[in-house]
Amino acid sequence: MAKANNQGLRPGQSAPRSGQYQQVGPRGGGGAERTVARGEPLPPTPKPNMTYRLVDPTKH
């Protein structure tokens, strides 16, 4: 399983796990959440330099 680095997951990267991914701003503020299935690309973010972090993995 791939792990997120300290910089977070970039838009377009494949999701390492299924679940809810939160958008994170360049200074660390949280944004909207998106549901992404494992292996699917993470969607574009509304602003440049935003990343994603897994906040609620799918339990099954």
PDB file of N, CA and C in Angstrom:
ATOM      1  N   MET A   1       0.842  -1.176   0.000  1.00  0.00           N
ATOM      2  CA  MET A   1       0.000   0.000   0.000  1.00  0.00           C
ATOM      3  C   MET A   1       0.887   1.238   0.000  1.00  0.00           C
ATOM      4  N   ALA A   2       0.553   2.191  -0.826  1.00  0.00           N
ATOM      5  CA  ALA A   2       1.309   3.441  -0.898  1.00  0.00           C
ATOM      6  C   ALA A   2       0.947   4.329   0.288  1.00  0.00           C
ATOM      7  N   LYS A   3       1.934   5.030   0.787  1.00  0.00           N
ATOM      8  CA  LYS A   3       1.690   5.947   1.896  1.00  0.00           C
ATOM      9  C   LYS A   3       1.783   7.380   1.396  1.00  0.00           C
ATOM     10  N   ALA A   4       0.999   8.249   2.021  1.00  0.00           N
ATOM     11  CA  ALA A   4       1.070   9.670   1.697  1.00  0.00           C
ATOM     12  C   ALA A   4       2.340  10.239   2.310  1.00  0.00           C
ATOM     13  N   ASN A   5       3.001  11.100   1.576  1.00  0.00           N
ATOM     14  CA  ASN A   5       4.174  11.755   2.136  1.00  0.00           C
ATOM     15  C   ASN A   5       3.717  12.959   2.961  1.00  0.00           C
ATOM     16  N   ASN A   6       4.655  13.671   3.538  1.00  0.00           N
ATOM     17  CA  ASN A   6       4.324  14.822   4.369  1.00  0.00           C
ATOM     18  C   ASN A   6       3.614  15.913   3.579  1.00  0.00           C
ATOM     19  N   GLN A   7       3.789  15.914   2.267  1.00  0.00           N
ATOM     20  CA  GLN A   7       3.186  16.945   1.435  1.00  0.00           C
ATOM     21  C   GLN A   7       1.736  16.615   1.073  1.00  0.00           C
ATOM     22  N   GLY A   8       1.260  15.423   1.344  1.00  0.00           N
ATOM     23  CA  GLY A   8      -0.091  15.031   0.994  1.00  0.00           C
ATOM     24  C   GLY A   8      -0.141  14.427  -0.401  1.00  0.00           C
ATOM     25  N   LEU A   9      -1.320  14.037  -0.809  1.00  0.00           N
ATOM     26  CA  LEU A   9      -1.535  13.446  -2.126  1.00  0.00           C
ATOM     27  C   LEU A   9      -1.947  14.543  -3.099  1.00  0.00           C
ATOM     28  N   ARG A  10      -1.362  14.532  -4.273  1.00  0.00           N
ATOM     29  CA  ARG A  10      -1.623  15.557  -5.280  1.00  0.00           C
ATOM     30  C   ARG A  10      -2.833  15.160  -6.142  1.00  0.00           C
ATOM     31  N   PRO A  11      -3.569  16.143  -6.677  1.00  0.00           N
ATOM     32  CA  PRO A  11      -4.646  15.837  -7.614  1.00  0.00           C
ATOM     33  C   PRO A  11      -4.098  15.027  -8.791  1.00  0.00           C
ATOM     34  N   GLY A  12      -4.848  14.021  -9.215  1.00  0.00           N
ATOM     35  CA  GLY A  12      -4.419  13.170 -10.319  1.00  0.00           C
ATOM     36  C   GLY A  12      -3.714  11.910  -9.867  1.00  0.00           C
ATOM     37  N   GLN A  13      -3.181  11.884  -8.635  1.00  0.00           N
ATOM     38  CA  GLN A  13      -2.562  10.671  -8.114  1.00  0.00           C
ATOM     39  C   GLN A  13      -3.638   9.640  -7.835  1.00  0.00           C
ATOM     40  N   SER A  14      -3.274   8.361  -7.908  1.00  0.00           N
ATOM     41  CA  SER A  14      -4.213   7.295  -7.563  1.00  0.00           C
ATOM     42  C   SER A  14      -4.395   7.247  -6.054  1.00  0.00           C
ATOM     43  N   ALA A  15      -5.625   7.055  -5.626  1.00  0.00           N
ATOM     44  CA  ALA A  15      -5.922   6.955  -4.194  1.00  0.00           C
ATOM     45  C   ALA A  15      -5.395   5.617  -3.664  1.00  0.00           C
ATOM     46  N   PRO A  16      -4.592   5.633  -2.592  1.00  0.00           N
ATOM     47  CA  PRO A  16      -4.058   4.389  -2.046  1.00  0.00           C
ATOM     48  C   PRO A  16      -5.115   3.536  -1.333  1.00  0.00           C
ATOM     49  N   ARG A  17      -6.174   4.166  -0.824  1.00  0.00           N
ATOM     50  CA  ARG A  17      -7.275   3.463  -0.151  1.00  0.00           C
ATOM     51  C   ARG A  17      -8.583   4.136  -0.516  1.00  0.00           C
ATOM     52  N   SER A  18      -9.669   3.398  -0.411  1.00  0.00           N
ATOM     53  CA  SER A  18     -10.993   3.980  -0.616  1.00  0.00           C
ATOM     54  C   SER A  18     -11.392   4.758   0.626  1.00  0.00           C
ATOM     55  N   GLY A  19     -12.074   5.867   0.457  1.00  0.00           N
ATOM     56  CA  GLY A  19     -12.549   6.631   1.595  1.00  0.00           C
ATOM     57  C   GLY A  19     -12.759   8.094   1.282  1.00  0.00           C
ATOM     58  N   GLN A  20     -12.900   8.883   2.356  1.00  0.00           N
ATOM     59  CA  GLN A  20     -13.105  10.316   2.250  1.00  0.00           C
ATOM     60  C   GLN A  20     -11.752  11.016   2.293  1.00  0.00           C
ATOM     61  N   TYR A  21     -11.485  11.837   1.286  1.00  0.00           N
ATOM     62  CA  TYR A  21     -10.251  12.609   1.211  1.00  0.00           C
ATOM     63  C   TYR A  21     -10.595  14.076   1.363  1.00  0.00           C
ATOM     64  N   GLN A  22      -9.883  14.762   2.270  1.00  0.00           N
ATOM     65  CA  GLN A  22     -10.113  16.179   2.504  1.00  0.00           C
ATOM     66  C   GLN A  22      -9.089  17.004   1.741  1.00  0.00           C
ATOM     67  N   GLN A  23      -9.565  18.081   1.130  1.00  0.00           N
ATOM     68  CA  GLN A  23      -8.655  19.011   0.468  1.00  0.00           C
ATOM     69  C   GLN A  23      -7.913  19.794   1.547  1.00  0.00           C
ATOM     70  N   VAL A  24      -6.611  19.985   1.339  1.00  0.00           N
ATOM     71  CA  VAL A  24      -5.776  20.706   2.296  1.00  0.00           C
ATOM     72  C   VAL A  24      -5.085  21.846   1.563  1.00  0.00           C
ATOM     73  N   GLY A  25      -5.233  23.048   2.090  1.00  0.00           N
ATOM     74  CA  GLY A  25      -4.612  24.224   1.486  1.00  0.00           C
ATOM     75  C   GLY A  25      -3.112  24.250   1.720  1.00  0.00           C
ATOM     76  N   PRO A  26      -2.402  25.139   1.047  1.00  0.00           N
ATOM     77  CA  PRO A  26      -0.944  25.213   1.164  1.00  0.00           C
ATOM     78  C   PRO A  26      -0.454  25.536   2.570  1.00  0.00           C
ATOM     79  N   ARG A  27      -1.290  26.161   3.381  1.00  0.00           N
ATOM     80  CA  ARG A  27      -0.888  26.471   4.757  1.00  0.00           C
ATOM     81  C   ARG A  27      -1.490  25.505   5.767  1.00  0.00           C
ATOM     82  N   GLY A  28      -2.131  24.434   5.294  1.00  0.00           N
ATOM     83  CA  GLY A  28      -2.629  23.394   6.178  1.00  0.00           C
ATOM     84  C   GLY A  28      -4.102  23.443   6.516  1.00  0.00           C
ATOM     85  N   GLY A  29      -4.822  24.446   6.060  1.00  0.00           N
ATOM     86  CA  GLY A  29      -6.250  24.537   6.346  1.00  0.00           C
ATOM     87  C   GLY A  29      -7.039  23.479   5.593  1.00  0.00           C
ATOM     88  N   GLY A  30      -8.058  22.927   6.239  1.00  0.00           N
ATOM     89  CA  GLY A  30      -8.881  21.894   5.619  1.00  0.00           C
ATOM     90  C   GLY A  30      -9.986  22.478   4.767  1.00  0.00           C
ATOM     91  N   GLY A  31     -10.396  21.724   3.774  1.00  0.00           N
ATOM     92  CA  GLY A  31     -11.461  22.157   2.873  1.00  0.00           C
ATOM     93  C   GLY A  31     -12.503  21.068   2.718  1.00  0.00           C
ATOM     94  N   ALA A  32     -13.113  21.019   1.567  1.00  0.00           N
ATOM     95  CA  ALA A  32     -14.172  20.060   1.273  1.00  0.00           C
ATOM     96  C   ALA A  32     -13.624  18.635   1.221  1.00  0.00           C
ATOM     97  N   GLU A  33     -14.521  17.674   1.427  1.00  0.00           N
ATOM     98  CA  GLU A  33     -14.149  16.266   1.337  1.00  0.00           C
ATOM     99  C   GLU A  33     -14.727  15.651   0.071  1.00  0.00           C
ATOM    100  N   ARG A  34     -14.008  14.694  -0.480  1.00  0.00           N
ATOM    101  CA  ARG A  34     -14.425  13.965  -1.672  1.00  0.00           C
ATOM    102  C   ARG A  34     -14.312  12.479  -1.392  1.00  0.00           C
ATOM    103  N   THR A  35     -15.255  11.706  -1.893  1.00  0.00           N
ATOM    104  CA  THR A  35     -15.198  10.252  -1.777  1.00  0.00           C
ATOM    105  C   THR A  35     -14.480   9.709  -2.997  1.00  0.00           C
ATOM    106  N   VAL A  36     -13.427   8.906  -2.765  1.00  0.00           N
ATOM    107  CA  VAL A  36     -12.630   8.366  -3.855  1.00  0.00           C
ATOM    108  C   VAL A  36     -12.393   6.878  -3.592  1.00  0.00           C
ATOM    109  N   ALA A  37     -12.567   6.054  -4.624  1.00  0.00           N
ATOM    110  CA  ALA A  37     -12.303   4.625  -4.532  1.00  0.00           C
ATOM    111  C   ALA A  37     -10.823   4.340  -4.758  1.00  0.00           C
ATOM    112  N   ARG A  38     -10.309   3.283  -4.131  1.00  0.00           N
ATOM    113  CA  ARG A  38      -8.900   2.912  -4.281  1.00  0.00           C
ATOM    114  C   ARG A  38      -8.556   2.741  -5.757  1.00  0.00           C
ATOM    115  N   GLY A  39      -7.428   3.314  -6.149  1.00  0.00           N
ATOM    116  CA  GLY A  39      -6.962   3.204  -7.524  1.00  0.00           C
ATOM    117  C   GLY A  39      -7.488   4.271  -8.463  1.00  0.00           C
ATOM    118  N   GLU A  40      -8.503   5.001  -8.048  1.00  0.00           N
ATOM    119  CA  GLU A  40      -9.051   6.079  -8.878  1.00  0.00           C
ATOM    120  C   GLU A  40      -8.220   7.345  -8.682  1.00  0.00           C
ATOM    121  N   PRO A  41      -8.129   8.207  -9.696  1.00  0.00           N
ATOM    122  CA  PRO A  41      -7.367   9.448  -9.518  1.00  0.00           C
ATOM    123  C   PRO A  41      -8.111  10.435  -8.625  1.00  0.00           C
ATOM    124  N   LEU A  42      -7.349  11.164  -7.822  1.00  0.00           N
ATOM    125  CA  LEU A  42      -7.950  12.209  -6.991  1.00  0.00           C
ATOM    126  C   LEU A  42      -8.373  13.363  -7.893  1.00  0.00           C
ATOM    127  N   PRO A  43      -9.532  13.970  -7.625  1.00  0.00           N
ATOM    128  CA  PRO A  43     -10.052  15.021  -8.500  1.00  0.00           C
ATOM    129  C   PRO A  43      -9.241  16.319  -8.403  1.00  0.00           C
ATOM    130  N   PRO A  44      -9.418  17.205  -9.378  1.00  0.00           N
ATOM    131  CA  PRO A  44      -8.735  18.505  -9.333  1.00  0.00           C
ATOM    132  C   PRO A  44      -9.187  19.305  -8.102  1.00  0.00           C
ATOM    133  N   THR A  45      -8.320  20.184  -7.629  1.00  0.00           N
ATOM    134  CA  THR A  45      -8.655  21.066  -6.519  1.00  0.00           C
ATOM    135  C   THR A  45      -9.030  22.439  -7.057  1.00  0.00           C
ATOM    136  N   PRO A  46      -9.781  23.227  -6.275  1.00  0.00           N
ATOM    137  CA  PRO A  46     -10.216  24.526  -6.779  1.00  0.00           C
ATOM    138  C   PRO A  46      -9.100  25.560  -6.905  1.00  0.00           C
ATOM    139  N   LYS A  47      -8.012  25.384  -6.157  1.00  0.00           N
ATOM    140  CA  LYS A  47      -6.899  26.343  -6.200  1.00  0.00           C
ATOM    141  C   LYS A  47      -5.590  25.587  -6.357  1.00  0.00           C
ATOM    142  N   PRO A  48      -4.560  26.247  -6.895  1.00  0.00           N
ATOM    143  CA  PRO A  48      -3.253  25.605  -7.031  1.00  0.00           C
ATOM    144  C   PRO A  48      -2.636  25.299  -5.659  1.00  0.00           C
ATOM    145  N   ASN A  49      -1.711  24.358  -5.650  1.00  0.00           N
ATOM    146  CA  ASN A  49      -0.945  23.971  -4.460  1.00  0.00           C
ATOM    147  C   ASN A  49      -1.774  23.338  -3.357  1.00  0.00           C
ATOM    148  N   MET A  50      -2.981  22.872  -3.652  1.00  0.00           N
ATOM    149  CA  MET A  50      -3.774  22.142  -2.675  1.00  0.00           C
ATOM    150  C   MET A  50      -3.486  20.656  -2.828  1.00  0.00           C
ATOM    151  N   THR A  51      -3.590  19.923  -1.743  1.00  0.00           N
ATOM    152  CA  THR A  51      -3.376  18.483  -1.751  1.00  0.00           C
ATOM    153  C   THR A  51      -4.566  17.809  -1.076  1.00  0.00           C
ATOM    154  N   TYR A  52      -4.488  16.495  -0.929  1.00  0.00           N
ATOM    155  CA  TYR A  52      -5.521  15.714  -0.253  1.00  0.00           C
ATOM    156  C   TYR A  52      -4.908  14.902   0.867  1.00  0.00           C
ATOM    157  N   ARG A  53      -5.723  14.620   1.892  1.00  0.00           N
ATOM    158  CA  ARG A  53      -5.335  13.663   2.931  1.00  0.00           C
ATOM    159  C   ARG A  53      -6.538  12.791   3.243  1.00  0.00           C
ATOM    160  N   LEU A  54      -6.261  11.530   3.547  1.00  0.00           N
ATOM    161  CA  LEU A  54      -7.311  10.571   3.884  1.00  0.00           C
ATOM    162  C   LEU A  54      -7.794  10.850   5.294  1.00  0.00           C
ATOM    163  N   VAL A  55      -9.085  11.135   5.468  1.00  0.00           N
ATOM    164  CA  VAL A  55      -9.615  11.436   6.800  1.00  0.00           C
ATOM    165  C   VAL A  55     -10.569  10.376   7.304  1.00  0.00           C
ATOM    166  N   ASP A  56     -11.173   9.575   6.405  1.00  0.00           N
ATOM    167  CA  ASP A  56     -12.113   8.541   6.826  1.00  0.00           C
ATOM    168  C   ASP A  56     -12.048   7.370   5.855  1.00  0.00           C
ATOM    169  N   PRO A  57     -11.156   6.382   6.122  1.00  0.00           N
ATOM    170  CA  PRO A  57     -11.068   5.245   5.210  1.00  0.00           C
ATOM    171  C   PRO A  57     -12.339   4.389   5.246  1.00  0.00           C
ATOM    172  N   THR A  58     -12.634   3.755   4.133  1.00  0.00           N
ATOM    173  CA  THR A  58     -13.746   2.830   4.051  1.00  0.00           C
ATOM    174  C   THR A  58     -13.445   1.639   4.950  1.00  0.00           C
ATOM    175  N   LYS A  59     -14.432   1.170   5.683  1.00  0.00           N
ATOM    176  CA  LYS A  59     -14.204   0.134   6.671  1.00  0.00           C
ATOM    177  C   LYS A  59     -14.364  -1.286   6.153  1.00  0.00           C
ATOM    178  N   HIS A  60     -14.846  -1.459   4.938  1.00  0.00           N
ATOM    179  CA  HIS A  60     -14.991  -2.818   4.399  1.00  0.00           C
ATOM    180  C   HIS A  60     -14.467  -2.956   3.008  1.00  0.00           C
TER     181      HIS A  60
END
